Amino acid sequence: MDPVIRVRDHFAESIAVKEVAGEQLAESIAAAGRLLSDALLDDGKILSCGNGGSAADAQHFSSELLNRFERERPGLPALALTTDSSTLTSISNDYSYEEIFSKQVRALGKSQDVLLAISTSGNSENVIRAVAAAHERGMRVVALTGCDGGRMADLFSEDDVEIRVPATRTARIQEVHLVVIHCLCDLIDTTLLGEH
């Protein structure tokens, strides 16, 4: 196939998935924005986790809150559980890779906090265990998933919000997750600071 056509096909598919996702997910994204904002207003923090590209998304979200998104404001309490290499490697070595996030959630999470759990398939065992640990701590969960929601789909309580991208291709799911993260940052800023 011609590489130019291939590139155009990627853009066309990405746009199509985003259009469908925008229609289907707007209410759940708005609900997640309210949940996250309420946690921050209640002196809570947001812990985030994921693997690979989803780890990068967790870090991206936390940096937008700790530093700034599009407006000047004080930093907001957010922590990506993917960044401390000493903690990650010690838990992996002493216990298992599946525990790298859940042990941190149990140690750092409080009932007023929220876990942002990111898994394109919904089947990442370490993210699944983090969701369980969050529930043990009385935390609520915002989950970014895709496909059919995977095994995570059965874990959520009525107080949680799942944002499930209507796609099966990992790249397209991740692209929508990034838009969702930016929507959540905007909703948090608007809730806390008002309109521009």
N, C-alpha and C. Protein backbone atom coordinates (compact mmCIF):
# COMPACT_ATOMS: atom_id res chain seq x y z
N MET A 1 0.85 -1.18 0.00
CA MET A 1 0.00 0.00 0.00
C MET A 1 0.89 1.24 0.00
N ASP A 2 0.43 2.26 -0.68
CA ASP A 2 1.11 3.54 -0.72
C ASP A 2 1.20 4.11 0.70
N PRO A 3 2.41 4.53 1.18
CA PRO A 3 2.54 5.02 2.54
C PRO A 3 1.71 6.27 2.82
N VAL A 4 1.51 7.11 1.82
CA VAL A 4 0.69 8.31 2.02
C VAL A 4 -0.75 7.92 2.28
N ILE A 5 -1.24 6.96 1.53
CA ILE A 5 -2.62 6.47 1.75
C ILE A 5 -2.74 5.84 3.12
N ARG A 6 -1.71 5.10 3.51
CA ARG A 6 -1.71 4.46 4.84
C ARG A 6 -1.81 5.51 5.95
N VAL A 7 -1.05 6.57 5.83
CA VAL A 7 -1.09 7.65 6.82
C VAL A 7 -2.48 8.28 6.84
N ARG A 8 -3.03 8.54 5.68
CA ARG A 8 -4.38 9.15 5.63
C ARG A 8 -5.43 8.23 6.24
N ASP A 9 -5.26 6.92 6.03
CA ASP A 9 -6.18 5.95 6.63
C ASP A 9 -6.11 5.98 8.15
N HIS A 10 -4.91 6.13 8.71
CA HIS A 10 -4.77 6.24 10.16
C HIS A 10 -5.53 7.46 10.68
N PHE A 11 -5.35 8.59 10.02
CA PHE A 11 -6.06 9.80 10.44
C PHE A 11 -7.57 9.62 10.33
N ALA A 12 -8.03 9.05 9.22
CA ALA A 12 -9.47 8.88 9.02
C ALA A 12 -10.07 7.96 10.08
N GLU A 13 -9.36 6.87 10.38
CA GLU A 13 -9.86 5.94 11.40
C GLU A 13 -9.86 6.60 12.78
N SER A 14 -8.81 7.35 13.09
CA SER A 14 -8.74 8.03 14.38
C SER A 14 -9.88 9.03 14.53
N ILE A 15 -10.14 9.80 13.49
CA ILE A 15 -11.23 10.78 13.53
C ILE A 15 -12.56 10.09 13.72
N ALA A 16 -12.79 8.99 12.99
CA ALA A 16 -14.07 8.28 13.08
C ALA A 16 -14.29 7.73 14.48
N VAL A 17 -13.25 7.14 15.08
CA VAL A 17 -13.39 6.59 16.44
C VAL A 17 -13.64 7.72 17.43
N LYS A 18 -12.96 8.85 17.27
CA LYS A 18 -13.17 9.98 18.19
C LYS A 18 -14.58 10.55 18.07
N GLU A 19 -15.12 10.59 16.87
CA GLU A 19 -16.48 11.10 16.70
C GLU A 19 -17.49 10.21 17.42
N VAL A 20 -17.35 8.90 17.25
CA VAL A 20 -18.26 7.96 17.92
C VAL A 20 -18.07 8.05 19.44
N ALA A 21 -16.82 8.09 19.88
CA ALA A 21 -16.54 8.17 21.31
C ALA A 21 -17.09 9.46 21.91
N GLY A 22 -16.96 10.57 21.20
CA GLY A 22 -17.49 11.84 21.70
C GLY A 22 -18.98 11.77 21.96
N GLU A 23 -19.69 11.10 21.07
CA GLU A 23 -21.15 10.94 21.24
C GLU A 23 -21.48 9.99 22.39
N GLN A 24 -20.79 8.86 22.43
CA GLN A 24 -21.13 7.82 23.40
C GLN A 24 -20.61 8.08 24.81
N LEU A 25 -19.50 8.81 24.94
CA LEU A 25 -18.82 8.90 26.23
C LEU A 25 -18.95 10.24 26.94
N ALA A 26 -19.60 11.20 26.32
CA ALA A 26 -19.64 12.55 26.90
C ALA A 26 -20.22 12.55 28.32
N GLU A 27 -21.30 11.81 28.54
CA GLU A 27 -21.92 11.80 29.88
C GLU A 27 -21.00 11.16 30.91
N SER A 28 -20.36 10.05 30.56
CA SER A 28 -19.48 9.40 31.53
C SER A 28 -18.23 10.24 31.78
N ILE A 29 -17.73 10.94 30.78
CA ILE A 29 -16.58 11.82 30.99
C ILE A 29 -16.97 12.97 31.92
N ALA A 30 -18.16 13.54 31.70
CA ALA A 30 -18.63 14.62 32.58
C ALA A 30 -18.80 14.11 34.01
N ALA A 31 -19.33 12.90 34.17
CA ALA A 31 -19.48 12.32 35.51
C ALA A 31 -18.12 12.11 36.17
N ALA A 32 -17.15 11.64 35.40
CA ALA A 32 -15.80 11.44 35.93
C ALA A 32 -15.19 12.78 36.32
N GLY A 33 -15.40 13.80 35.53
CA GLY A 33 -14.90 15.13 35.87
C GLY A 33 -15.47 15.63 37.19
N ARG A 34 -16.76 15.38 37.42
CA ARG A 34 -17.39 15.76 38.70
C ARG A 34 -16.79 14.98 39.86
N LEU A 35 -16.61 13.67 39.66
CA LEU A 35 -16.06 12.83 40.71
C LEU A 35 -14.65 13.27 41.09
N LEU A 36 -13.81 13.53 40.10
CA LEU A 36 -12.44 13.96 40.37
C LEU A 36 -12.41 15.33 41.02
N SER A 37 -13.24 16.24 40.54
CA SER A 37 -13.30 17.59 41.12
C SER A 37 -13.77 17.54 42.57
N ASP A 38 -14.78 16.74 42.83
CA ASP A 38 -15.29 16.62 44.20
C ASP A 38 -14.21 16.08 45.13
N ALA A 39 -13.44 15.12 44.65
CA ALA A 39 -12.35 14.57 45.48
C ALA A 39 -11.33 15.66 45.81
N LEU A 40 -10.96 16.45 44.83
CA LEU A 40 -9.98 17.52 45.06
C LEU A 40 -10.54 18.58 46.00
N LEU A 41 -11.82 18.90 45.86
CA LEU A 41 -12.45 19.87 46.75
C LEU A 41 -12.57 19.35 48.18
N ASP A 42 -12.55 18.02 48.32
CA ASP A 42 -12.65 17.38 49.63
C ASP A 42 -11.27 17.06 50.21
N ASP A 43 -10.24 17.74 49.72
CA ASP A 43 -8.86 17.53 50.17
C ASP A 43 -8.33 16.16 49.80
N GLY A 44 -8.89 15.55 48.78
CA GLY A 44 -8.38 14.28 48.30
C GLY A 44 -7.34 14.47 47.22
N LYS A 45 -6.78 13.36 46.78
CA LYS A 45 -5.81 13.38 45.70
C LYS A 45 -6.19 12.33 44.68
N ILE A 46 -5.52 12.38 43.54
CA ILE A 46 -5.80 11.42 42.48
C ILE A 46 -4.55 10.59 42.23
N LEU A 47 -4.67 9.29 42.41
CA LEU A 47 -3.60 8.34 42.10
C LEU A 47 -3.91 7.74 40.74
N SER A 48 -2.89 7.59 39.88
CA SER A 48 -3.15 7.05 38.56
C SER A 48 -2.15 5.94 38.23
N CYS A 49 -2.60 5.00 37.40
CA CYS A 49 -1.72 3.89 37.03
C CYS A 49 -2.12 3.30 35.69
N GLY A 50 -1.17 2.62 35.08
CA GLY A 50 -1.35 1.93 33.81
C GLY A 50 -0.01 1.38 33.37
N ASN A 51 0.00 0.63 32.29
CA ASN A 51 1.22 0.00 31.77
C ASN A 51 1.52 0.54 30.37
N GLY A 52 2.81 0.66 30.05
CA GLY A 52 3.20 1.07 28.71
C GLY A 52 2.66 2.45 28.36
N GLY A 53 1.93 2.53 27.24
CA GLY A 53 1.33 3.80 26.84
C GLY A 53 0.37 4.32 27.89
N SER A 54 -0.29 3.42 28.60
CA SER A 54 -1.21 3.84 29.66
C SER A 54 -0.45 4.38 30.87
N ALA A 55 0.77 3.90 31.09
CA ALA A 55 1.62 4.50 32.13
C ALA A 55 1.97 5.93 31.75
N ALA A 56 2.28 6.13 30.47
CA ALA A 56 2.56 7.49 30.00
C ALA A 56 1.34 8.38 30.17
N ASP A 57 0.15 7.84 29.91
CA ASP A 57 -1.08 8.62 30.10
C ASP A 57 -1.30 8.96 31.57
N ALA A 58 -1.01 8.01 32.46
CA ALA A 58 -1.14 8.27 33.90
C ALA A 58 -0.22 9.41 34.31
N GLN A 59 1.01 9.38 33.81
CA GLN A 59 1.98 10.43 34.12
C GLN A 59 1.58 11.76 33.49
N HIS A 60 1.07 11.71 32.29
CA HIS A 60 0.61 12.93 31.61
C HIS A 60 -0.49 13.60 32.43
N PHE A 61 -1.47 12.80 32.86
CA PHE A 61 -2.58 13.36 33.65
C PHE A 61 -2.06 13.99 34.94
N SER A 62 -1.20 13.27 35.65
CA SER A 62 -0.74 13.79 36.92
C SER A 62 0.10 15.06 36.73
N SER A 63 0.87 15.13 35.65
CA SER A 63 1.67 16.34 35.42
C SER A 63 0.78 17.54 35.09
N GLU A 64 -0.32 17.31 34.37
CA GLU A 64 -1.24 18.40 34.06
C GLU A 64 -1.88 18.96 35.33
N LEU A 65 -2.10 18.10 36.33
CA LEU A 65 -2.70 18.58 37.58
C LEU A 65 -1.65 19.22 38.48
N LEU A 66 -0.52 18.55 38.64
CA LEU A 66 0.52 19.08 39.54
C LEU A 66 1.09 20.40 39.06
N ASN A 67 1.24 20.55 37.77
CA ASN A 67 1.80 21.78 37.22
C ASN A 67 0.66 22.70 36.78
N ARG A 68 0.20 22.53 35.58
CA ARG A 68 -0.93 23.30 35.06
C ARG A 68 -1.42 22.64 33.79
N PHE A 69 -2.68 22.93 33.45
CA PHE A 69 -3.20 22.46 32.17
C PHE A 69 -3.15 23.64 31.20
N GLU A 70 -4.23 24.36 31.03
CA GLU A 70 -4.22 25.50 30.11
C GLU A 70 -4.33 26.84 30.83
N ARG A 71 -4.51 26.81 32.14
CA ARG A 71 -4.69 28.04 32.91
C ARG A 71 -3.73 28.06 34.08
N GLU A 72 -3.37 29.25 34.51
CA GLU A 72 -2.56 29.39 35.70
C GLU A 72 -3.41 29.08 36.92
N ARG A 73 -2.88 28.24 37.80
CA ARG A 73 -3.56 27.89 39.05
C ARG A 73 -2.56 27.19 39.93
N PRO A 74 -2.86 27.09 41.23
CA PRO A 74 -1.97 26.31 42.10
C PRO A 74 -1.98 24.84 41.66
N GLY A 75 -0.90 24.13 41.97
CA GLY A 75 -0.84 22.71 41.65
C GLY A 75 -1.89 21.93 42.42
N LEU A 76 -2.35 20.86 41.82
CA LEU A 76 -3.37 20.00 42.44
C LEU A 76 -2.74 18.65 42.76
N PRO A 77 -3.18 18.02 43.87
CA PRO A 77 -2.54 16.78 44.32
C PRO A 77 -2.87 15.56 43.45
N ALA A 78 -1.87 15.11 42.72
CA ALA A 78 -2.01 13.94 41.85
C ALA A 78 -0.68 13.21 41.84
N LEU A 79 -0.75 11.90 41.75
CA LEU A 79 0.46 11.08 41.81
C LEU A 79 0.32 9.90 40.85
N ALA A 80 1.26 9.79 39.90
CA ALA A 80 1.31 8.62 39.02
C ALA A 80 2.09 7.53 39.73
N LEU A 81 1.48 6.38 39.88
CA LEU A 81 2.11 5.26 40.60
C LEU A 81 3.10 4.50 39.73
N THR A 82 3.41 5.06 38.58
CA THR A 82 4.26 4.41 37.58
C THR A 82 5.69 4.94 37.58
N THR A 83 6.01 5.90 38.44
CA THR A 83 7.24 6.68 38.23
C THR A 83 8.39 6.35 39.18
N ASP A 84 8.14 5.71 40.28
CA ASP A 84 9.19 5.46 41.28
C ASP A 84 9.85 4.11 41.00
N SER A 85 10.97 4.14 40.29
CA SER A 85 11.59 2.88 39.86
C SER A 85 12.04 2.01 41.03
N SER A 86 12.48 2.62 42.13
CA SER A 86 12.90 1.81 43.28
C SER A 86 11.72 1.07 43.89
N THR A 87 10.59 1.77 44.01
CA THR A 87 9.39 1.11 44.55
C THR A 87 8.89 0.03 43.60
N LEU A 88 8.81 0.35 42.31
CA LEU A 88 8.30 -0.62 41.34
C LEU A 88 9.17 -1.87 41.30
N THR A 89 10.49 -1.70 41.29
CA THR A 89 11.36 -2.87 41.20
C THR A 89 11.42 -3.65 42.50
N SER A 90 11.31 -2.97 43.64
CA SER A 90 11.34 -3.73 44.91
C SER A 90 10.07 -4.55 45.08
N ILE A 91 8.92 -3.97 44.73
CA ILE A 91 7.67 -4.74 44.83
C ILE A 91 7.70 -5.91 43.85
N SER A 92 8.15 -5.65 42.63
CA SER A 92 8.24 -6.72 41.62
C SER A 92 9.15 -7.84 42.09
N ASN A 93 10.28 -7.47 42.68
CA ASN A 93 11.26 -8.44 43.12
C ASN A 93 10.81 -9.21 44.36
N ASP A 94 10.28 -8.48 45.34
CA ASP A 94 9.93 -9.11 46.62
C ASP A 94 8.57 -9.80 46.59
N TYR A 95 7.68 -9.32 45.76
CA TYR A 95 6.32 -9.89 45.67
C TYR A 95 6.06 -10.34 44.24
N SER A 96 5.44 -9.47 43.45
CA SER A 96 5.22 -9.78 42.04
C SER A 96 4.87 -8.50 41.31
N TYR A 97 5.04 -8.55 39.99
CA TYR A 97 4.72 -7.38 39.16
C TYR A 97 3.23 -7.02 39.29
N GLU A 98 2.40 -8.02 39.53
CA GLU A 98 0.96 -7.79 39.64
C GLU A 98 0.61 -6.92 40.85
N GLU A 99 1.53 -6.77 41.81
CA GLU A 99 1.26 -6.00 43.03
C GLU A 99 1.82 -4.57 42.99
N ILE A 100 2.47 -4.16 41.88
CA ILE A 100 3.19 -2.88 41.90
C ILE A 100 2.30 -1.68 42.18
N PHE A 101 1.04 -1.72 41.76
CA PHE A 101 0.16 -0.59 42.00
C PHE A 101 -0.69 -0.79 43.26
N SER A 102 -1.14 -2.01 43.50
CA SER A 102 -2.03 -2.25 44.64
C SER A 102 -1.34 -1.97 45.97
N LYS A 103 -0.07 -2.32 46.09
CA LYS A 103 0.64 -2.03 47.34
C LYS A 103 0.77 -0.52 47.56
N GLN A 104 0.98 0.21 46.49
CA GLN A 104 1.06 1.67 46.62
C GLN A 104 -0.30 2.27 46.98
N VAL A 105 -1.36 1.75 46.37
CA VAL A 105 -2.70 2.25 46.68
C VAL A 105 -3.02 2.00 48.15
N ARG A 106 -2.69 0.81 48.64
CA ARG A 106 -2.97 0.51 50.05
C ARG A 106 -2.18 1.42 50.99
N ALA A 107 -0.96 1.78 50.60
CA ALA A 107 -0.12 2.61 51.46
C ALA A 107 -0.48 4.09 51.37
N LEU A 108 -0.88 4.56 50.21
CA LEU A 108 -1.06 6.00 49.98
C LEU A 108 -2.52 6.44 49.90
N GLY A 109 -3.42 5.51 49.58
CA GLY A 109 -4.80 5.89 49.32
C GLY A 109 -5.62 6.12 50.57
N LYS A 110 -6.48 7.12 50.50
CA LYS A 110 -7.44 7.43 51.57
C LYS A 110 -8.84 7.45 50.96
N SER A 111 -9.84 7.41 51.80
CA SER A 111 -11.21 7.29 51.31
C SER A 111 -11.64 8.48 50.45
N GLN A 112 -11.06 9.65 50.65
CA GLN A 112 -11.46 10.81 49.84
C GLN A 112 -10.70 10.89 48.51
N ASP A 113 -9.78 9.94 48.27
CA ASP A 113 -9.00 9.93 47.05
C ASP A 113 -9.72 9.17 45.94
N VAL A 114 -9.21 9.34 44.72
CA VAL A 114 -9.73 8.63 43.55
C VAL A 114 -8.57 7.95 42.84
N LEU A 115 -8.80 6.75 42.34
CA LEU A 115 -7.83 6.06 41.50
C LEU A 115 -8.24 6.23 40.05
N LEU A 116 -7.33 6.73 39.23
CA LEU A 116 -7.52 6.75 37.79
C LEU A 116 -6.80 5.52 37.24
N ALA A 117 -7.56 4.51 36.85
CA ALA A 117 -7.03 3.22 36.41
C ALA A 117 -7.15 3.12 34.89
N ILE A 118 -6.01 2.94 34.22
CA ILE A 118 -6.00 2.99 32.76
C ILE A 118 -5.52 1.65 32.20
N SER A 119 -6.36 1.03 31.37
CA SER A 119 -6.01 -0.23 30.71
C SER A 119 -6.80 -0.32 29.41
N THR A 120 -6.11 -0.33 28.28
CA THR A 120 -6.83 -0.35 27.01
C THR A 120 -7.69 -1.61 26.87
N SER A 121 -7.20 -2.73 27.38
CA SER A 121 -7.94 -4.00 27.27
C SER A 121 -8.87 -4.23 28.45
N GLY A 122 -8.57 -3.59 29.58
CA GLY A 122 -9.30 -3.88 30.82
C GLY A 122 -8.83 -5.16 31.48
N ASN A 123 -7.75 -5.74 31.00
CA ASN A 123 -7.29 -7.03 31.52
C ASN A 123 -5.92 -6.97 32.20
N SER A 124 -5.38 -5.79 32.43
CA SER A 124 -4.07 -5.68 33.07
C SER A 124 -4.18 -6.08 34.54
N GLU A 125 -3.54 -7.18 34.90
CA GLU A 125 -3.70 -7.72 36.26
C GLU A 125 -3.28 -6.72 37.32
N ASN A 126 -2.19 -6.00 37.12
CA ASN A 126 -1.76 -5.06 38.16
C ASN A 126 -2.73 -3.89 38.31
N VAL A 127 -3.40 -3.50 37.24
CA VAL A 127 -4.41 -2.44 37.33
C VAL A 127 -5.67 -2.99 37.98
N ILE A 128 -6.04 -4.21 37.65
CA ILE A 128 -7.19 -4.86 38.29
C ILE A 128 -6.99 -4.93 39.81
N ARG A 129 -5.79 -5.32 40.22
CA ARG A 129 -5.52 -5.39 41.67
C ARG A 129 -5.50 -4.01 42.30
N ALA A 130 -5.09 -2.99 41.56
CA ALA A 130 -5.14 -1.62 42.08
C ALA A 130 -6.57 -1.18 42.31
N VAL A 131 -7.49 -1.55 41.41
CA VAL A 131 -8.91 -1.22 41.59
C VAL A 131 -9.44 -1.89 42.85
N ALA A 132 -9.11 -3.16 43.04
CA ALA A 132 -9.54 -3.87 44.25
C ALA A 132 -8.99 -3.21 45.50
N ALA A 133 -7.72 -2.82 45.47
CA ALA A 133 -7.11 -2.15 46.62
C ALA A 133 -7.77 -0.81 46.89
N ALA A 134 -8.10 -0.08 45.84
CA ALA A 134 -8.79 1.21 46.01
C ALA A 134 -10.13 1.00 46.71
N HIS A 135 -10.87 -0.01 46.31
CA HIS A 135 -12.15 -0.29 46.96
C HIS A 135 -11.95 -0.67 48.42
N GLU A 136 -10.90 -1.44 48.72
CA GLU A 136 -10.59 -1.78 50.11
C GLU A 136 -10.35 -0.52 50.95
N ARG A 137 -9.77 0.50 50.34
CA ARG A 137 -9.47 1.75 51.04
C ARG A 137 -10.66 2.72 51.03
N GLY A 138 -11.77 2.31 50.44
CA GLY A 138 -12.94 3.18 50.38
C GLY A 138 -12.85 4.25 49.32
N MET A 139 -11.94 4.08 48.36
CA MET A 139 -11.75 5.04 47.28
C MET A 139 -12.72 4.76 46.13
N ARG A 140 -13.00 5.79 45.37
CA ARG A 140 -13.74 5.62 44.12
C ARG A 140 -12.74 5.49 42.97
N VAL A 141 -13.23 5.00 41.84
CA VAL A 141 -12.36 4.71 40.70
C VAL A 141 -12.94 5.35 39.45
N VAL A 142 -12.06 5.98 38.69
CA VAL A 142 -12.36 6.36 37.30
C VAL A 142 -11.48 5.46 36.45
N ALA A 143 -12.10 4.72 35.53
CA ALA A 143 -11.36 3.77 34.70
C ALA A 143 -11.45 4.18 33.24
N LEU A 144 -10.31 4.18 32.57
CA LEU A 144 -10.26 4.36 31.13
C LEU A 144 -9.94 3.00 30.52
N THR A 145 -10.87 2.46 29.76
CA THR A 145 -10.72 1.14 29.16
C THR A 145 -11.08 1.21 27.69
N GLY A 146 -11.16 0.05 27.06
CA GLY A 146 -11.58 -0.06 25.67
C GLY A 146 -12.10 -1.46 25.43
N CYS A 147 -12.24 -1.82 24.17
CA CYS A 147 -12.75 -3.15 23.79
C CYS A 147 -14.07 -3.42 24.50
N ASP A 148 -14.15 -4.53 25.23
CA ASP A 148 -15.38 -4.87 25.97
C ASP A 148 -15.24 -4.57 27.47
N GLY A 149 -14.19 -3.82 27.83
CA GLY A 149 -13.96 -3.50 29.24
C GLY A 149 -13.14 -4.54 29.97
N GLY A 150 -12.98 -5.72 29.36
CA GLY A 150 -12.17 -6.78 29.96
C GLY A 150 -12.66 -7.20 31.33
N ARG A 151 -11.75 -7.77 32.11
CA ARG A 151 -12.10 -8.26 33.45
C ARG A 151 -12.40 -7.11 34.41
N MET A 152 -11.89 -5.92 34.10
CA MET A 152 -12.16 -4.77 34.96
C MET A 152 -13.63 -4.40 34.97
N ALA A 153 -14.33 -4.68 33.88
CA ALA A 153 -15.73 -4.24 33.74
C ALA A 153 -16.62 -4.76 34.86
N ASP A 154 -16.26 -5.89 35.45
CA ASP A 154 -17.08 -6.48 36.51
C ASP A 154 -16.71 -5.98 37.91
N LEU A 155 -15.71 -5.11 38.01
CA LEU A 155 -15.19 -4.71 39.32
C LEU A 155 -15.78 -3.40 39.84
N PHE A 156 -16.43 -2.64 38.99
CA PHE A 156 -16.79 -1.29 39.37
C PHE A 156 -18.06 -1.25 40.21
N SER A 157 -18.05 -0.33 41.19
CA SER A 157 -19.24 -0.10 42.01
C SER A 157 -20.06 1.01 41.36
N GLU A 158 -21.24 1.26 41.90
CA GLU A 158 -22.09 2.32 41.34
C GLU A 158 -21.49 3.71 41.56
N ASP A 159 -20.52 3.83 42.46
CA ASP A 159 -19.85 5.11 42.70
C ASP A 159 -18.67 5.35 41.76
N ASP A 160 -18.29 4.34 40.99
CA ASP A 160 -17.17 4.45 40.06
C ASP A 160 -17.68 4.91 38.69
N VAL A 161 -16.74 5.34 37.85
CA VAL A 161 -17.08 5.72 36.48
C VAL A 161 -16.12 5.02 35.53
N GLU A 162 -16.68 4.23 34.62
CA GLU A 162 -15.87 3.62 33.57
C GLU A 162 -16.09 4.39 32.27
N ILE A 163 -14.99 4.74 31.62
CA ILE A 163 -15.03 5.40 30.32
C ILE A 163 -14.44 4.41 29.34
N ARG A 164 -15.31 3.68 28.64
CA ARG A 164 -14.89 2.58 27.78
C ARG A 164 -14.93 3.02 26.32
N VAL A 165 -13.78 3.11 25.70
CA VAL A 165 -13.69 3.57 24.32
C VAL A 165 -14.27 2.50 23.39
N PRO A 166 -15.19 2.89 22.50
CA PRO A 166 -15.81 1.93 21.59
C PRO A 166 -14.88 1.60 20.42
N ALA A 167 -13.81 0.88 20.71
CA ALA A 167 -12.84 0.48 19.68
C ALA A 167 -12.10 -0.75 20.19
N THR A 168 -11.46 -1.46 19.27
CA THR A 168 -10.68 -2.63 19.64
C THR A 168 -9.20 -2.47 19.34
N ARG A 169 -8.84 -1.50 18.53
CA ARG A 169 -7.44 -1.29 18.16
C ARG A 169 -6.76 -0.44 19.23
N THR A 170 -5.66 -0.96 19.79
CA THR A 170 -5.00 -0.30 20.92
C THR A 170 -4.63 1.15 20.61
N ALA A 171 -4.08 1.40 19.44
CA ALA A 171 -3.67 2.76 19.10
C ALA A 171 -4.85 3.72 19.13
N ARG A 172 -6.00 3.31 18.60
CA ARG A 172 -7.17 4.18 18.58
C ARG A 172 -7.70 4.40 20.01
N ILE A 173 -7.67 3.35 20.84
CA ILE A 173 -8.13 3.50 22.23
C ILE A 173 -7.24 4.49 22.95
N GLN A 174 -5.92 4.36 22.78
CA GLN A 174 -4.99 5.27 23.45
C GLN A 174 -5.19 6.71 22.99
N GLU A 175 -5.46 6.90 21.71
CA GLU A 175 -5.69 8.25 21.20
C GLU A 175 -6.92 8.88 21.86
N VAL A 176 -7.97 8.10 22.02
CA VAL A 176 -9.16 8.63 22.68
C VAL A 176 -8.88 8.86 24.17
N HIS A 177 -8.13 7.96 24.80
CA HIS A 177 -7.77 8.17 26.21
C HIS A 177 -7.09 9.51 26.41
N LEU A 178 -6.24 9.92 25.48
CA LEU A 178 -5.57 11.21 25.62
C LEU A 178 -6.56 12.36 25.54
N VAL A 179 -7.52 12.28 24.63
CA VAL A 179 -8.55 13.32 24.55
C VAL A 179 -9.37 13.34 25.85
N VAL A 180 -9.70 12.16 26.36
CA VAL A 180 -10.45 12.07 27.62
C VAL A 180 -9.67 12.73 28.75
N ILE A 181 -8.38 12.46 28.84
CA ILE A 181 -7.55 13.06 29.89
C ILE A 181 -7.59 14.58 29.79
N HIS A 182 -7.50 15.11 28.58
CA HIS A 182 -7.57 16.56 28.43
C HIS A 182 -8.95 17.10 28.80
N CYS A 183 -10.00 16.36 28.47
CA CYS A 183 -11.35 16.75 28.89
C CYS A 183 -11.45 16.79 30.41
N LEU A 184 -10.92 15.76 31.07
CA LEU A 184 -10.98 15.71 32.53
C LEU A 184 -10.22 16.88 33.15
N CYS A 185 -9.05 17.20 32.61
CA CYS A 185 -8.28 18.34 33.12
C CYS A 185 -9.07 19.63 32.95
N ASP A 186 -9.70 19.80 31.80
CA ASP A 186 -10.50 21.00 31.56
C ASP A 186 -11.70 21.07 32.51
N LEU A 187 -12.37 19.94 32.71
CA LEU A 187 -13.53 19.92 33.62
C LEU A 187 -13.11 20.23 35.05
N ILE A 188 -11.97 19.71 35.48
CA ILE A 188 -11.46 20.01 36.83
C ILE A 188 -11.17 21.50 36.96
N ASP A 189 -10.46 22.06 36.00
CA ASP A 189 -10.14 23.50 36.05
C ASP A 189 -11.40 24.35 36.05
N THR A 190 -12.36 24.01 35.20
CA THR A 190 -13.59 24.78 35.12
C THR A 190 -14.38 24.69 36.43
N THR A 191 -14.42 23.50 37.01
CA THR A 191 -15.13 23.33 38.28
C THR A 191 -14.46 24.11 39.41
N LEU A 192 -13.15 24.03 39.47
CA LEU A 192 -12.43 24.67 40.56
C LEU A 192 -12.26 26.17 40.37
N LEU A 193 -12.12 26.61 39.13
CA LEU A 193 -11.79 28.02 38.86
C LEU A 193 -12.88 28.79 38.16
N GLY A 194 -13.91 28.11 37.65
CA GLY A 194 -14.95 28.77 36.89
C GLY A 194 -14.55 28.88 35.43
N GLU A 195 -15.48 29.41 34.63
CA GLU A 195 -15.21 29.61 33.20
C GLU A 195 -14.13 30.67 33.02
N HIS A 196 -13.51 30.67 31.85
CA HIS A 196 -12.49 31.70 31.54
C HIS A 196 -13.11 33.07 31.68
